[in-house]
All heavy atoms as atom14 arrays in JSON, in Angstrom:
{
  "sequence": "NNFLELAALPDHAEILGPVDLPPGLSLPGEYDESQYGPPQR",
  "atom14_mask": [
    [1, 1, 1, 1, 1, 1, 1, 1, 0, 0, 0, 0, 0, 0],
    [1, 1, 1, 1, 1, 1, 1, 1, 0, 0, 0, 0, 0, 0],
    [1, 1, 1, 1, 1, 1, 1, 1, 1, 1, 1, 0, 0, 0],
    [1, 1, 1, 1, 1, 1, 1, 1, 0, 0, 0, 0, 0, 0],
    [1, 1, 1, 1, 1, 1, 1, 1, 1, 0, 0, 0, 0, 0],
    [1, 1, 1, 1, 1, 1, 1, 1, 0, 0, 0, 0, 0, 0],
    [1, 1, 1, 1, 1, 0, 0, 0, 0, 0, 0, 0, 0, 0],
    [1, 1, 1, 1, 1, 0, 0, 0, 0, 0, 0, 0, 0, 0],
    [1, 1, 1, 1, 1, 1, 1, 1, 0, 0, 0, 0, 0, 0],
    [1, 1, 1, 1, 1, 1, 1, 0, 0, 0, 0, 0, 0, 0],
    [1, 1, 1, 1, 1, 1, 1, 1, 0, 0, 0, 0, 0, 0],
    [1, 1, 1, 1, 1, 1, 1, 1, 1, 1, 0, 0, 0, 0],
    [1, 1, 1, 1, 1, 0, 0, 0, 0, 0, 0, 0, 0, 0],
    [1, 1, 1, 1, 1, 1, 1, 1, 1, 0, 0, 0, 0, 0],
    [1, 1, 1, 1, 1, 1, 1, 1, 0, 0, 0, 0, 0, 0],
    [1, 1, 1, 1, 1, 1, 1, 1, 0, 0, 0, 0, 0, 0],
    [1, 1, 1, 1, 0, 0, 0, 0, 0, 0, 0, 0, 0, 0],
    [1, 1, 1, 1, 1, 1, 1, 0, 0, 0, 0, 0, 0, 0],
    [1, 1, 1, 1, 1, 1, 1, 0, 0, 0, 0, 0, 0, 0],
    [1, 1, 1, 1, 1, 1, 1, 1, 0, 0, 0, 0, 0, 0],
    [1, 1, 1, 1, 1, 1, 1, 1, 0, 0, 0, 0, 0, 0],
    [1, 1, 1, 1, 1, 1, 1, 0, 0, 0, 0, 0, 0, 0],
    [1, 1, 1, 1, 1, 1, 1, 0, 0, 0, 0, 0, 0, 0],
    [1, 1, 1, 1, 0, 0, 0, 0, 0, 0, 0, 0, 0, 0],
    [1, 1, 1, 1, 1, 1, 1, 1, 0, 0, 0, 0, 0, 0],
    [1, 1, 1, 1, 1, 1, 0, 0, 0, 0, 0, 0, 0, 0],
    [1, 1, 1, 1, 1, 1, 1, 1, 0, 0, 0, 0, 0, 0],
    [1, 1, 1, 1, 1, 1, 1, 0, 0, 0, 0, 0, 0, 0],
    [1, 1, 1, 1, 0, 0, 0, 0, 0, 0, 0, 0, 0, 0],
    [1, 1, 1, 1, 1, 1, 1, 1, 1, 0, 0, 0, 0, 0],
    [1, 1, 1, 1, 1, 1, 1, 1, 1, 1, 1, 1, 0, 0],
    [1, 1, 1, 1, 1, 1, 1, 1, 0, 0, 0, 0, 0, 0],
    [1, 1, 1, 1, 1, 1, 1, 1, 1, 0, 0, 0, 0, 0],
    [1, 1, 1, 1, 1, 1, 0, 0, 0, 0, 0, 0, 0, 0],
    [1, 1, 1, 1, 1, 1, 1, 1, 1, 0, 0, 0, 0, 0],
    [1, 1, 1, 1, 1, 1, 1, 1, 1, 1, 1, 1, 0, 0],
    [1, 1, 1, 1, 0, 0, 0, 0, 0, 0, 0, 0, 0, 0],
    [1, 1, 1, 1, 1, 1, 1, 0, 0, 0, 0, 0, 0, 0],
    [1, 1, 1, 1, 1, 1, 1, 0, 0, 0, 0, 0, 0, 0],
    [1, 1, 1, 1, 1, 1, 1, 1, 1, 0, 0, 0, 0, 0],
    [1, 1, 1, 1, 1, 1, 1, 1, 1, 1, 1, 0, 0, 0]
  ],
  "atom14_positions": [
    [[-1.29, -6.24, 1.17], [-0.89, -7.62, 1.44], [-1.57, -8.59, 0.48], [-0.93, -9.52, -0.04], [-1.24, -7.99, 2.89], [-0.37, -7.25, 3.9], [0.74, -6.84, 3.58], [-0.89, -7.06, 5.1], [0.0, 0.0, 0.0], [0.0, 0.0, 0.0], [0.0, 0.0, 0.0], [0.0, 0.0, 0.0], [0.0, 0.0, 0.0], [0.0, 0.0, 0.0]],
    [[-2.85, -8.39, 0.23], [-3.55, -9.27, -0.72], [-3.0, -9.12, -2.13], [-2.89, -10.09, -2.88], [-5.05, -8.95, -0.71], [-5.72, -9.32, 0.61], [-5.18, -10.11, 1.38], [-6.88, -8.74, 0.86], [0.0, 0.0, 0.0], [0.0, 0.0, 0.0], [0.0, 0.0, 0.0], [0.0, 0.0, 0.0], [0.0, 0.0, 0.0], [0.0, 0.0, 0.0]],
    [[-2.65, -7.9, -2.49], [-2.1, -7.65, -3.82], [-0.76, -8.36, -3.99], [-0.49, -8.96, -5.04], [-1.94, -6.14, -4.02], [-1.37, -5.75, -5.35], [-2.15, -5.8, -6.5], [-0.06, -5.32, -5.47], [-1.63, -5.44, -7.73], [0.47, -4.95, -6.69], [-0.32, -5.01, -7.82], [0.0, 0.0, 0.0], [0.0, 0.0, 0.0], [0.0, 0.0, 0.0]],
    [[0.08, -8.32, -2.97], [1.38, -8.97, -3.06], [1.24, -10.49, -3.17], [2.06, -11.15, -3.81], [2.24, -8.6, -1.85], [2.73, -7.15, -1.8], [3.51, -6.9, -0.52], [3.61, -6.84, -3.01], [0.0, 0.0, 0.0], [0.0, 0.0, 0.0], [0.0, 0.0, 0.0], [0.0, 0.0, 0.0], [0.0, 0.0, 0.0], [0.0, 0.0, 0.0]],
    [[0.21, -11.04, -2.54], [-0.01, -12.49, -2.66], [-0.36, -12.88, -4.09], [-0.03, -13.98, -4.54], [-1.15, -12.9, -1.72], [-0.79, -12.82, -0.24], [-1.96, -13.18, 0.64], [-3.03, -13.54, 0.08], [-1.84, -13.12, 1.87], [0.0, 0.0, 0.0], [0.0, 0.0, 0.0], [0.0, 0.0, 0.0], [0.0, 0.0, 0.0], [0.0, 0.0, 0.0]],
    [[-1.01, -11.98, -4.8], [-1.44, -12.28, -6.18], [-0.35, -12.0, -7.2], [-0.43, -12.49, -8.33], [-2.67, -11.45, -6.53], [-3.94, -11.72, -5.7], [-5.0, -10.68, -6.02], [-4.46, -13.13, -5.96], [0.0, 0.0, 0.0], [0.0, 0.0, 0.0], [0.0, 0.0, 0.0], [0.0, 0.0, 0.0], [0.0, 0.0, 0.0], [0.0, 0.0, 0.0]],
    [[0.64, -11.18, -6.85], [1.64, -10.72, -7.82], [2.79, -11.71, -7.93], [3.45, -12.03, -6.94], [2.17, -9.34, -7.41], [0.0, 0.0, 0.0], [0.0, 0.0, 0.0], [0.0, 0.0, 0.0], [0.0, 0.0, 0.0], [0.0, 0.0, 0.0], [0.0, 0.0, 0.0], [0.0, 0.0, 0.0], [0.0, 0.0, 0.0], [0.0, 0.0, 0.0]],
    [[3.03, -12.19, -9.15], [4.19, -13.03, -9.42], [5.34, -12.11, -9.83], [5.56, -11.86, -11.02], [3.86, -14.04, -10.52], [0.0, 0.0, 0.0], [0.0, 0.0, 0.0], [0.0, 0.0, 0.0], [0.0, 0.0, 0.0], [0.0, 0.0, 0.0], [0.0, 0.0, 0.0], [0.0, 0.0, 0.0], [0.0, 0.0, 0.0], [0.0, 0.0, 0.0]],
    [[6.05, -11.59, -8.86], [7.07, -10.57, -9.12], [8.28, -11.17, -9.83], [8.58, -12.37, -9.68], [7.52, -9.93, -7.8], [6.43, -9.19, -7.01], [6.99, -8.65, -5.71], [5.87, -8.05, -7.85], [0.0, 0.0, 0.0], [0.0, 0.0, 0.0], [0.0, 0.0, 0.0], [0.0, 0.0, 0.0], [0.0, 0.0, 0.0], [0.0, 0.0, 0.0]],
    [[8.99, -10.37, -10.63], [10.18, -10.86, -11.33], [11.26, -11.3, -10.34], [11.23, -10.97, -9.15], [10.64, -9.64, -12.15], [9.46, -8.74, -12.22], [8.67, -8.97, -10.98], [0.0, 0.0, 0.0], [0.0, 0.0, 0.0], [0.0, 0.0, 0.0], [0.0, 0.0, 0.0], [0.0, 0.0, 0.0], [0.0, 0.0, 0.0], [0.0, 0.0, 0.0]],
    [[12.22, -12.06, -10.85], [13.33, -12.5, -10.02], [14.08, -11.3, -9.45], [14.19, -10.25, -10.1], [14.3, -13.36, -10.85], [13.65, -14.66, -11.29], [12.68, -15.09, -10.65], [14.12, -15.24, -12.3], [0.0, 0.0, 0.0], [0.0, 0.0, 0.0], [0.0, 0.0, 0.0], [0.0, 0.0, 0.0], [0.0, 0.0, 0.0], [0.0, 0.0, 0.0]],
    [[14.61, -11.49, -8.25], [15.42, -10.48, -7.56], [14.63, -9.22, -7.2], [15.22, -8.16, -6.96], [16.66, -10.1, -8.38], [17.45, -11.27, -8.87], [18.1, -12.13, -8.01], [17.67, -11.74, -10.13], [18.71, -13.08, -8.71], [18.47, -12.87, -10.0], [0.0, 0.0, 0.0], [0.0, 0.0, 0.0], [0.0, 0.0, 0.0], [0.0, 0.0, 0.0]],
    [[13.31, -9.32, -7.15], [12.51, -8.17, -6.74], [12.63, -7.97, -5.23], [12.68, -8.94, -4.46], [11.06, -8.37, -7.13], [0.0, 0.0, 0.0], [0.0, 0.0, 0.0], [0.0, 0.0, 0.0], [0.0, 0.0, 0.0], [0.0, 0.0, 0.0], [0.0, 0.0, 0.0], [0.0, 0.0, 0.0], [0.0, 0.0, 0.0], [0.0, 0.0, 0.0]],
    [[12.7, -6.72, -4.81], [12.75, -6.37, -3.39], [11.53, -5.55, -3.04], [11.05, -4.75, -3.85], [13.99, -5.53, -3.08], [15.32, -6.2, -3.31], [16.45, -5.23, -3.0], [16.75, -5.05, -1.81], [17.01, -4.66, -3.95], [0.0, 0.0, 0.0], [0.0, 0.0, 0.0], [0.0, 0.0, 0.0], [0.0, 0.0, 0.0], [0.0, 0.0, 0.0]],
    [[11.06, -5.73, -1.81], [9.92, -4.95, -1.32], [10.41, -4.07, -0.18], [10.95, -4.57, 0.82], [8.78, -5.87, -0.86], [8.27, -6.72, -2.03], [7.64, -5.06, -0.25], [7.21, -7.72, -1.65], [0.0, 0.0, 0.0], [0.0, 0.0, 0.0], [0.0, 0.0, 0.0], [0.0, 0.0, 0.0], [0.0, 0.0, 0.0], [0.0, 0.0, 0.0]],
    [[10.22, -2.77, -0.32], [10.61, -1.8, 0.7], [9.35, -1.27, 1.36], [8.45, -0.8, 0.68], [11.4, -0.65, 0.08], [12.59, -1.02, -0.81], [13.24, 0.23, -1.39], [13.61, -1.84, -0.03], [0.0, 0.0, 0.0], [0.0, 0.0, 0.0], [0.0, 0.0, 0.0], [0.0, 0.0, 0.0], [0.0, 0.0, 0.0], [0.0, 0.0, 0.0]],
    [[9.3, -1.3, 2.68], [8.14, -0.81, 3.4], [7.38, -1.96, 4.03], [7.9, -3.08, 4.16], [0.0, 0.0, 0.0], [0.0, 0.0, 0.0], [0.0, 0.0, 0.0], [0.0, 0.0, 0.0], [0.0, 0.0, 0.0], [0.0, 0.0, 0.0], [0.0, 0.0, 0.0], [0.0, 0.0, 0.0], [0.0, 0.0, 0.0], [0.0, 0.0, 0.0]],
    [[6.15, -1.72, 4.49], [5.33, -0.52, 4.22], [5.68, 0.66, 5.12], [6.19, 0.48, 6.22], [3.91, -1.01, 4.49], [4.1, -2.08, 5.54], [5.4, -2.75, 5.22], [0.0, 0.0, 0.0], [0.0, 0.0, 0.0], [0.0, 0.0, 0.0], [0.0, 0.0, 0.0], [0.0, 0.0, 0.0], [0.0, 0.0, 0.0], [0.0, 0.0, 0.0]],
    [[5.35, 1.85, 4.61], [5.47, 3.09, 5.39], [4.18, 3.88, 5.18], [3.4, 3.59, 4.28], [6.69, 3.92, 4.94], [7.99, 3.18, 5.19], [6.57, 4.3, 3.46], [0.0, 0.0, 0.0], [0.0, 0.0, 0.0], [0.0, 0.0, 0.0], [0.0, 0.0, 0.0], [0.0, 0.0, 0.0], [0.0, 0.0, 0.0], [0.0, 0.0, 0.0]],
    [[3.97, 4.88, 6.02], [2.8, 5.74, 5.85], [2.89, 6.49, 4.53], [3.99, 6.84, 4.07], [2.69, 6.73, 7.0], [2.3, 6.06, 8.31], [1.74, 4.96, 8.24], [2.56, 6.64, 9.38], [0.0, 0.0, 0.0], [0.0, 0.0, 0.0], [0.0, 0.0, 0.0], [0.0, 0.0, 0.0], [0.0, 0.0, 0.0], [0.0, 0.0, 0.0]],
    [[1.74, 6.75, 3.94], [1.69, 7.52, 2.69], [2.3, 8.9, 2.93], [2.03, 9.52, 3.96], [0.24, 7.65, 2.24], [-0.02, 7.92, 0.76], [0.51, 6.79, -0.09], [-1.52, 8.09, 0.53], [0.0, 0.0, 0.0], [0.0, 0.0, 0.0], [0.0, 0.0, 0.0], [0.0, 0.0, 0.0], [0.0, 0.0, 0.0], [0.0, 0.0, 0.0]],
    [[3.16, 9.38, 2.02], [3.78, 10.7, 2.23], [2.75, 11.79, 2.44], [1.64, 11.73, 1.9], [4.56, 10.91, 0.92], [4.83, 9.54, 0.41], [3.63, 8.73, 0.8], [0.0, 0.0, 0.0], [0.0, 0.0, 0.0], [0.0, 0.0, 0.0], [0.0, 0.0, 0.0], [0.0, 0.0, 0.0], [0.0, 0.0, 0.0], [0.0, 0.0, 0.0]],
    [[3.09, 12.81, 3.25], [2.15, 13.92, 3.51], [1.7, 14.58, 2.21], [2.47, 14.75, 1.27], [2.96, 14.89, 4.37], [4.03, 14.05, 5.0], [4.35, 12.98, 3.99], [0.0, 0.0, 0.0], [0.0, 0.0, 0.0], [0.0, 0.0, 0.0], [0.0, 0.0, 0.0], [0.0, 0.0, 0.0], [0.0, 0.0, 0.0], [0.0, 0.0, 0.0]],
    [[0.43, 14.94, 2.16], [-0.1, 15.61, 0.98], [-0.7, 14.69, -0.05], [-1.36, 15.15, -0.98], [0.0, 0.0, 0.0], [0.0, 0.0, 0.0], [0.0, 0.0, 0.0], [0.0, 0.0, 0.0], [0.0, 0.0, 0.0], [0.0, 0.0, 0.0], [0.0, 0.0, 0.0], [0.0, 0.0, 0.0], [0.0, 0.0, 0.0], [0.0, 0.0, 0.0]],
    [[-0.49, 13.37, 0.09], [-1.04, 12.41, -0.85], [-2.26, 11.72, -0.24], [-2.34, 11.53, 0.97], [0.0, 11.35, -1.23], [1.23, 11.83, -2.0], [2.14, 10.65, -2.32], [0.82, 12.53, -3.28], [0.0, 0.0, 0.0], [0.0, 0.0, 0.0], [0.0, 0.0, 0.0], [0.0, 0.0, 0.0], [0.0, 0.0, 0.0], [0.0, 0.0, 0.0]],
    [[-3.18, 11.35, -1.08], [-4.37, 10.61, -0.64], [-4.67, 9.54, -1.67], [-4.23, 9.61, -2.82], [-5.56, 11.55, -0.47], [-5.87, 12.2, -1.69], [0.0, 0.0, 0.0], [0.0, 0.0, 0.0], [0.0, 0.0, 0.0], [0.0, 0.0, 0.0], [0.0, 0.0, 0.0], [0.0, 0.0, 0.0], [0.0, 0.0, 0.0], [0.0, 0.0, 0.0]],
    [[-5.45, 8.56, -1.26], [-5.81, 7.48, -2.17], [-6.96, 7.89, -3.08], [-7.79, 8.72, -2.71], [-6.23, 6.25, -1.37], [-5.13, 5.55, -0.56], [-5.72, 4.4, 0.22], [-4.02, 5.05, -1.47], [0.0, 0.0, 0.0], [0.0, 0.0, 0.0], [0.0, 0.0, 0.0], [0.0, 0.0, 0.0], [0.0, 0.0, 0.0], [0.0, 0.0, 0.0]],
    [[-7.02, 7.34, -4.28], [-8.16, 7.63, -5.16], [-9.43, 6.98, -4.62], [-9.38, 5.95, -3.94], [-7.73, 7.02, -6.5], [-6.77, 5.93, -6.12], [-6.06, 6.43, -4.91], [0.0, 0.0, 0.0], [0.0, 0.0, 0.0], [0.0, 0.0, 0.0], [0.0, 0.0, 0.0], [0.0, 0.0, 0.0], [0.0, 0.0, 0.0], [0.0, 0.0, 0.0]],
    [[-10.56, 7.59, -4.92], [-11.82, 7.03, -4.49], [-12.12, 7.32, -3.02], [-11.46, 8.14, -2.38], [0.0, 0.0, 0.0], [0.0, 0.0, 0.0], [0.0, 0.0, 0.0], [0.0, 0.0, 0.0], [0.0, 0.0, 0.0], [0.0, 0.0, 0.0], [0.0, 0.0, 0.0], [0.0, 0.0, 0.0], [0.0, 0.0, 0.0], [0.0, 0.0, 0.0]],
    [[-13.11, 6.64, -2.49], [-13.51, 6.83, -1.1], [-12.75, 5.86, -0.21], [-12.62, 4.68, -0.5], [-15.02, 6.6, -0.96], [-15.86, 7.6, -1.75], [-17.34, 7.37, -1.56], [-17.69, 6.44, -0.78], [-18.14, 8.09, -2.17], [0.0, 0.0, 0.0], [0.0, 0.0, 0.0], [0.0, 0.0, 0.0], [0.0, 0.0, 0.0], [0.0, 0.0, 0.0]],
    [[-12.26, 6.39, 0.9], [-11.45, 5.57, 1.8], [-11.75, 5.98, 3.24], [-11.6, 7.15, 3.61], [-9.97, 5.74, 1.5], [-9.06, 4.89, 2.37], [-8.94, 3.53, 2.15], [-8.35, 5.45, 3.43], [-8.14, 2.74, 2.95], [-7.52, 4.67, 4.23], [-7.43, 3.31, 3.98], [-6.63, 2.53, 4.78], [0.0, 0.0, 0.0], [0.0, 0.0, 0.0]],
    [[-12.19, 5.02, 4.05], [-12.52, 5.27, 5.45], [-11.31, 4.9, 6.3], [-11.08, 3.72, 6.6], [-13.75, 4.45, 5.84], [-14.23, 4.77, 7.25], [-13.55, 5.54, 7.96], [-15.3, 4.26, 7.64], [0.0, 0.0, 0.0], [0.0, 0.0, 0.0], [0.0, 0.0, 0.0], [0.0, 0.0, 0.0], [0.0, 0.0, 0.0], [0.0, 0.0, 0.0]],
    [[-10.53, 5.92, 6.68], [-9.32, 5.67, 7.44], [-9.62, 5.09, 8.82], [-8.85, 4.29, 9.35], [-8.51, 6.96, 7.57], [-7.14, 6.77, 8.19], [-6.27, 8.0, 8.07], [-6.39, 8.72, 7.05], [-5.47, 8.24, 9.0], [0.0, 0.0, 0.0], [0.0, 0.0, 0.0], [0.0, 0.0, 0.0], [0.0, 0.0, 0.0], [0.0, 0.0, 0.0]],
    [[-10.76, 5.48, 9.41], [-11.1, 4.97, 10.74], [-11.38, 3.47, 10.71], [-11.18, 2.77, 11.71], [-12.32, 5.72, 11.28], [-13.45, 5.5, 10.44], [0.0, 0.0, 0.0], [0.0, 0.0, 0.0], [0.0, 0.0, 0.0], [0.0, 0.0, 0.0], [0.0, 0.0, 0.0], [0.0, 0.0, 0.0], [0.0, 0.0, 0.0], [0.0, 0.0, 0.0]],
    [[-11.81, 2.96, 9.54], [-12.12, 1.53, 9.43], [-10.93, 0.71, 8.96], [-10.68, -0.39, 9.46], [-13.29, 1.32, 8.47], [-13.7, -0.14, 8.29], [-14.9, -0.3, 7.38], [-15.47, 0.69, 6.91], [-15.29, -1.54, 7.11], [0.0, 0.0, 0.0], [0.0, 0.0, 0.0], [0.0, 0.0, 0.0], [0.0, 0.0, 0.0], [0.0, 0.0, 0.0]],
    [[-10.17, 1.25, 8.01], [-9.11, 0.46, 7.39], [-7.71, 0.87, 7.83], [-6.73, 0.27, 7.39], [-9.21, 0.57, 5.86], [-10.53, 0.11, 5.32], [-11.45, 1.02, 4.79], [-10.89, -1.24, 5.35], [-12.67, 0.6, 4.3], [-12.11, -1.67, 4.86], [-13.01, -0.74, 4.34], [-14.22, -1.16, 3.85], [0.0, 0.0, 0.0], [0.0, 0.0, 0.0]],
    [[-7.61, 1.89, 8.66], [-6.31, 2.33, 9.12], [-5.69, 3.32, 8.15], [-6.19, 3.54, 7.04], [0.0, 0.0, 0.0], [0.0, 0.0, 0.0], [0.0, 0.0, 0.0], [0.0, 0.0, 0.0], [0.0, 0.0, 0.0], [0.0, 0.0, 0.0], [0.0, 0.0, 0.0], [0.0, 0.0, 0.0], [0.0, 0.0, 0.0], [0.0, 0.0, 0.0]],
    [[-4.58, 3.96, 8.55], [-3.93, 4.95, 7.68], [-3.41, 4.29, 6.41], [-2.93, 3.16, 6.44], [-2.78, 5.49, 8.55], [-2.53, 4.43, 9.57], [-3.86, 3.79, 9.83], [0.0, 0.0, 0.0], [0.0, 0.0, 0.0], [0.0, 0.0, 0.0], [0.0, 0.0, 0.0], [0.0, 0.0, 0.0], [0.0, 0.0, 0.0], [0.0, 0.0, 0.0]],
    [[-3.52, 4.97, 5.27], [-3.01, 4.39, 4.01], [-1.5, 4.18, 4.06], [-0.78, 4.97, 4.65], [-3.41, 5.42, 2.96], [-3.62, 6.69, 3.7], [-4.09, 6.32, 5.07], [0.0, 0.0, 0.0], [0.0, 0.0, 0.0], [0.0, 0.0, 0.0], [0.0, 0.0, 0.0], [0.0, 0.0, 0.0], [0.0, 0.0, 0.0], [0.0, 0.0, 0.0]],
    [[-1.07, 3.12, 3.41], [0.34, 2.72, 3.44], [0.92, 2.78, 2.02], [0.21, 2.83, 1.03], [0.48, 1.3, 3.99], [-0.13, 1.1, 5.36], [0.71, 1.7, 6.45], [1.85, 1.33, 6.67], [0.13, 2.67, 7.15], [0.0, 0.0, 0.0], [0.0, 0.0, 0.0], [0.0, 0.0, 0.0], [0.0, 0.0, 0.0], [0.0, 0.0, 0.0]],
    [[2.25, 2.73, 1.96], [2.96, 2.66, 0.67], [4.06, 1.63, 0.78], [4.8, 1.57, 1.77], [3.54, 4.01, 0.29], [4.62, 3.93, -0.8], [5.04, 5.28, -1.33], [3.99, 5.85, -2.17], [4.15, 6.98, -2.89], [5.28, 7.65, -2.83], [3.16, 7.43, -3.64], [0.0, 0.0, 0.0], [0.0, 0.0, 0.0], [0.0, 0.0, 0.0]]
  ]
}
């Protein structure tokens, strides 16, 4: 959400989602799911 607030997207851009990250994928770096919730896409 914070990233989208900063992004000046091109005209006619559409945003699909958010949805849960597909099975088998994980975020880079350290991520505490219990604190920040399940990763989204």
